[in-house]
N, C-alpha and C. Protein backbone atom coordinates (compact mmCIF):
# COMPACT_ATOMS: atom_id res chain seq x y z
N MET A 1 -10.94 -2.53 38.03
CA MET A 1 -10.10 -2.59 36.84
C MET A 1 -9.18 -1.28 36.91
N LYS A 2 -7.96 -1.37 36.65
CA LYS A 2 -7.08 -0.24 36.60
C LYS A 2 -7.04 0.37 35.24
N LEU A 3 -7.18 1.66 35.07
CA LEU A 3 -7.08 2.38 33.78
C LEU A 3 -5.54 2.51 33.54
N THR A 4 -5.24 2.47 32.21
CA THR A 4 -3.90 2.70 31.77
C THR A 4 -3.99 3.76 30.72
N TRP A 5 -2.98 4.67 30.72
CA TRP A 5 -2.85 5.72 29.63
C TRP A 5 -1.44 6.10 29.46
N VAL A 6 -1.10 6.64 28.32
CA VAL A 6 0.16 7.06 28.04
C VAL A 6 0.34 8.59 28.41
N THR A 7 1.43 8.81 29.18
CA THR A 7 1.60 10.16 29.68
C THR A 7 2.63 10.95 28.94
N ALA A 8 3.52 10.18 28.14
CA ALA A 8 4.55 10.85 27.42
C ALA A 8 4.96 9.89 26.27
N ALA A 9 5.38 10.50 25.15
CA ALA A 9 5.81 9.68 24.06
C ALA A 9 6.85 10.42 23.22
N SER A 10 7.90 9.79 22.91
CA SER A 10 8.98 10.39 22.00
C SER A 10 9.49 9.46 21.02
N TYR A 11 9.93 10.02 19.89
CA TYR A 11 10.43 9.24 18.74
C TYR A 11 11.84 8.78 19.12
N ILE A 12 12.15 7.52 18.82
CA ILE A 12 13.44 7.04 18.91
C ILE A 12 14.10 6.95 17.58
N ASP A 13 13.74 5.97 16.81
CA ASP A 13 14.21 5.83 15.43
C ASP A 13 13.37 4.82 14.76
N GLY A 14 13.36 4.64 13.39
CA GLY A 14 12.63 3.73 12.76
C GLY A 14 11.13 3.95 13.09
N TYR A 15 10.44 2.89 13.49
CA TYR A 15 9.17 2.98 13.92
C TYR A 15 8.98 2.66 15.42
N ARG A 16 9.94 3.17 16.19
CA ARG A 16 9.96 2.93 17.57
C ARG A 16 9.73 4.24 18.39
N LEU A 17 8.85 4.12 19.35
CA LEU A 17 8.64 5.13 20.28
C LEU A 17 8.93 4.80 21.74
N ALA A 18 9.41 5.77 22.48
CA ALA A 18 9.54 5.65 23.89
C ALA A 18 8.33 6.04 24.53
N LEU A 19 7.75 5.33 25.30
CA LEU A 19 6.41 5.64 25.95
C LEU A 19 6.49 5.55 27.53
N THR A 20 5.92 6.50 28.23
CA THR A 20 5.81 6.46 29.63
C THR A 20 4.24 6.38 29.97
N PHE A 21 3.95 5.52 30.98
CA PHE A 21 2.57 5.34 31.31
C PHE A 21 2.20 5.89 32.66
N ASN A 22 0.94 6.09 32.97
CA ASN A 22 0.47 6.65 34.18
C ASN A 22 0.86 5.94 35.44
N ASP A 23 1.38 4.68 35.35
CA ASP A 23 1.84 3.86 36.59
C ASP A 23 3.35 4.09 36.66
N GLY A 24 3.95 4.81 35.83
CA GLY A 24 5.41 5.07 35.83
C GLY A 24 6.29 4.12 34.92
N SER A 25 5.66 3.08 34.28
CA SER A 25 6.26 2.21 33.46
C SER A 25 6.76 3.01 32.27
N ARG A 26 7.97 2.47 31.67
CA ARG A 26 8.54 3.07 30.60
C ARG A 26 8.78 1.98 29.66
N LYS A 27 8.26 2.04 28.40
CA LYS A 27 8.44 1.00 27.39
C LYS A 27 8.87 1.55 26.13
N VAL A 28 9.51 0.72 25.30
CA VAL A 28 9.77 0.99 23.88
C VAL A 28 8.90 0.18 23.05
N PHE A 29 8.07 0.81 22.20
CA PHE A 29 7.27 0.00 21.34
C PHE A 29 7.57 0.21 19.88
N ASP A 30 7.84 -0.98 19.18
CA ASP A 30 8.18 -0.90 17.78
C ASP A 30 6.87 -1.22 17.01
N PHE A 31 6.43 -0.23 16.23
CA PHE A 31 5.20 -0.24 15.40
C PHE A 31 5.51 -0.97 14.08
N ALA A 32 6.71 -1.32 13.71
CA ALA A 32 7.00 -1.97 12.40
C ALA A 32 6.25 -3.23 12.15
N PRO A 33 6.15 -4.14 13.05
CA PRO A 33 5.27 -5.34 12.81
C PRO A 33 3.91 -5.07 12.43
N LEU A 34 3.25 -4.09 13.11
CA LEU A 34 1.86 -3.80 12.88
C LEU A 34 1.64 -3.23 11.49
N LEU A 35 2.65 -2.63 10.87
CA LEU A 35 2.49 -2.02 9.48
C LEU A 35 2.34 -3.20 8.54
N THR A 36 2.81 -4.34 8.84
CA THR A 36 2.71 -5.44 7.91
C THR A 36 1.47 -6.40 8.28
N THR A 37 1.31 -6.59 9.55
CA THR A 37 0.33 -7.53 10.01
C THR A 37 -1.16 -6.94 10.11
N LYS A 38 -1.14 -5.54 10.20
CA LYS A 38 -2.46 -4.94 10.23
C LYS A 38 -2.41 -3.66 9.23
N PRO A 39 -2.04 -3.96 7.95
CA PRO A 39 -1.88 -2.91 6.93
C PRO A 39 -3.18 -1.97 6.81
N SER A 40 -4.41 -2.58 6.96
CA SER A 40 -5.59 -1.83 6.59
C SER A 40 -5.75 -0.68 7.73
N ARG A 41 -5.24 -1.07 8.90
CA ARG A 41 -5.44 -0.14 10.09
C ARG A 41 -4.25 0.81 10.22
N PHE A 42 -3.01 0.20 10.12
CA PHE A 42 -1.77 0.92 10.42
C PHE A 42 -0.84 1.22 9.14
N GLY A 43 -1.20 0.76 8.02
CA GLY A 43 -0.31 0.83 6.82
C GLY A 43 0.08 2.29 6.47
N VAL A 44 -0.76 3.31 6.63
CA VAL A 44 -0.46 4.66 6.34
C VAL A 44 0.72 5.14 7.23
N LEU A 45 0.99 4.58 8.31
CA LEU A 45 2.10 4.98 9.18
C LEU A 45 3.45 4.52 8.61
N ALA A 46 3.48 3.77 7.56
CA ALA A 46 4.68 3.32 6.84
C ALA A 46 5.38 4.64 6.39
N LYS A 47 4.62 5.64 6.04
CA LYS A 47 5.17 6.93 5.54
C LYS A 47 5.78 7.57 6.73
N MET A 48 7.14 7.75 6.80
CA MET A 48 7.81 8.15 7.96
C MET A 48 7.25 9.57 8.42
N GLU A 49 6.92 10.45 7.50
CA GLU A 49 6.44 11.79 7.82
C GLU A 49 5.22 11.63 8.53
N VAL A 50 4.42 10.70 8.19
CA VAL A 50 3.09 10.45 8.94
C VAL A 50 3.34 9.83 10.37
N PHE A 51 4.25 8.81 10.34
CA PHE A 51 4.52 8.16 11.66
C PHE A 51 5.15 9.07 12.73
N LYS A 52 5.97 9.97 12.33
CA LYS A 52 6.61 10.95 13.19
C LYS A 52 5.62 12.11 13.66
N ASN A 53 4.53 12.16 12.98
CA ASN A 53 3.55 13.31 13.33
C ASN A 53 2.53 12.71 14.30
N PHE A 54 2.92 12.11 15.41
CA PHE A 54 1.98 11.48 16.37
C PHE A 54 1.66 12.67 17.46
N ALA A 55 0.60 12.31 18.18
CA ALA A 55 0.21 13.20 19.30
C ALA A 55 -0.35 12.27 20.47
N LEU A 56 -0.52 12.88 21.55
CA LEU A 56 -1.20 12.21 22.67
C LEU A 56 -2.61 12.86 22.88
N ASP A 57 -3.57 11.98 23.13
CA ASP A 57 -4.99 12.47 23.21
C ASP A 57 -5.39 12.50 24.63
N GLY A 58 -4.63 12.24 25.57
CA GLY A 58 -5.06 12.05 26.98
C GLY A 58 -5.10 10.58 27.41
N TRP A 59 -5.13 9.70 26.44
CA TRP A 59 -5.10 8.35 26.77
C TRP A 59 -4.01 7.54 26.05
N THR A 60 -3.71 7.82 24.74
CA THR A 60 -2.87 7.04 24.02
C THR A 60 -2.20 7.92 22.86
N VAL A 61 -1.38 7.24 22.07
CA VAL A 61 -0.71 7.86 20.99
C VAL A 61 -1.71 7.84 19.76
N THR A 62 -1.78 8.84 19.08
CA THR A 62 -2.74 8.92 17.87
C THR A 62 -2.05 9.61 16.65
N TRP A 63 -2.61 9.32 15.53
CA TRP A 63 -2.17 10.06 14.34
C TRP A 63 -3.34 10.51 13.54
N ASP A 64 -3.08 11.37 12.56
CA ASP A 64 -4.19 11.84 11.73
C ASP A 64 -5.41 12.41 12.51
N ASN A 65 -5.09 13.29 13.45
CA ASN A 65 -6.05 13.97 14.30
C ASN A 65 -7.07 12.99 14.99
N GLY A 66 -6.43 11.90 15.41
CA GLY A 66 -7.23 10.92 16.17
C GLY A 66 -7.87 9.79 15.43
N LYS A 67 -7.67 9.85 14.09
CA LYS A 67 -8.37 8.78 13.25
C LYS A 67 -7.62 7.49 13.39
N ILE A 68 -6.38 7.45 13.88
CA ILE A 68 -5.54 6.37 14.04
C ILE A 68 -5.06 6.30 15.47
N ASP A 69 -5.31 5.23 16.10
CA ASP A 69 -4.84 5.10 17.54
C ASP A 69 -4.53 3.63 17.88
N ILE A 70 -4.05 3.45 19.03
CA ILE A 70 -3.80 2.02 19.51
C ILE A 70 -4.04 2.02 20.95
N ALA A 71 -4.64 1.07 21.54
CA ALA A 71 -4.92 0.97 22.92
C ALA A 71 -3.74 1.06 23.85
N PRO A 72 -3.84 1.78 24.77
CA PRO A 72 -2.61 2.01 25.73
C PRO A 72 -2.25 0.65 26.36
N GLU A 73 -3.32 -0.11 26.69
CA GLU A 73 -3.03 -1.43 27.32
C GLU A 73 -2.21 -2.37 26.36
N TYR A 74 -2.46 -2.21 25.07
CA TYR A 74 -1.67 -3.03 24.14
C TYR A 74 -0.21 -2.68 24.14
N LEU A 75 -0.09 -1.34 24.15
CA LEU A 75 1.33 -0.74 24.14
C LEU A 75 2.12 -1.12 25.35
N LEU A 76 1.43 -1.06 26.51
CA LEU A 76 2.03 -1.39 27.76
C LEU A 76 2.34 -2.94 27.80
N GLU A 77 1.48 -3.74 27.37
CA GLU A 77 1.67 -5.26 27.37
C GLU A 77 2.76 -5.73 26.41
N HIS A 78 2.78 -5.02 25.30
CA HIS A 78 3.73 -5.61 24.14
C HIS A 78 4.93 -4.68 23.99
N GLY A 79 5.09 -3.69 24.78
CA GLY A 79 6.34 -2.84 24.72
C GLY A 79 7.47 -3.54 25.43
N ILE A 80 8.67 -3.13 25.16
CA ILE A 80 9.82 -3.58 25.72
C ILE A 80 10.24 -2.76 26.89
N GLU A 81 10.75 -3.24 27.98
CA GLU A 81 11.11 -2.26 29.13
C GLU A 81 12.17 -1.43 28.61
N ALA A 82 12.07 -0.07 28.98
CA ALA A 82 13.04 0.91 28.58
C ALA A 82 14.09 0.96 29.52
């Protein structure tokens, strides 16, 4: 099994981040759909000041000191080629 992790992330606009992965893949991931389909998990990210305050924890993108995160495999699979 190959491990996947996010090596870099930058804000683009709206709820989109540009992501780079350990295999060299670059994807754009739009979090907007998750804000409505999974509001109990990601709804707090609808506040733009919260969304823009993301960090990398060595594996993936996180918010709120690691209390909110998303699997890097999901980001890689569902992101759009950059």
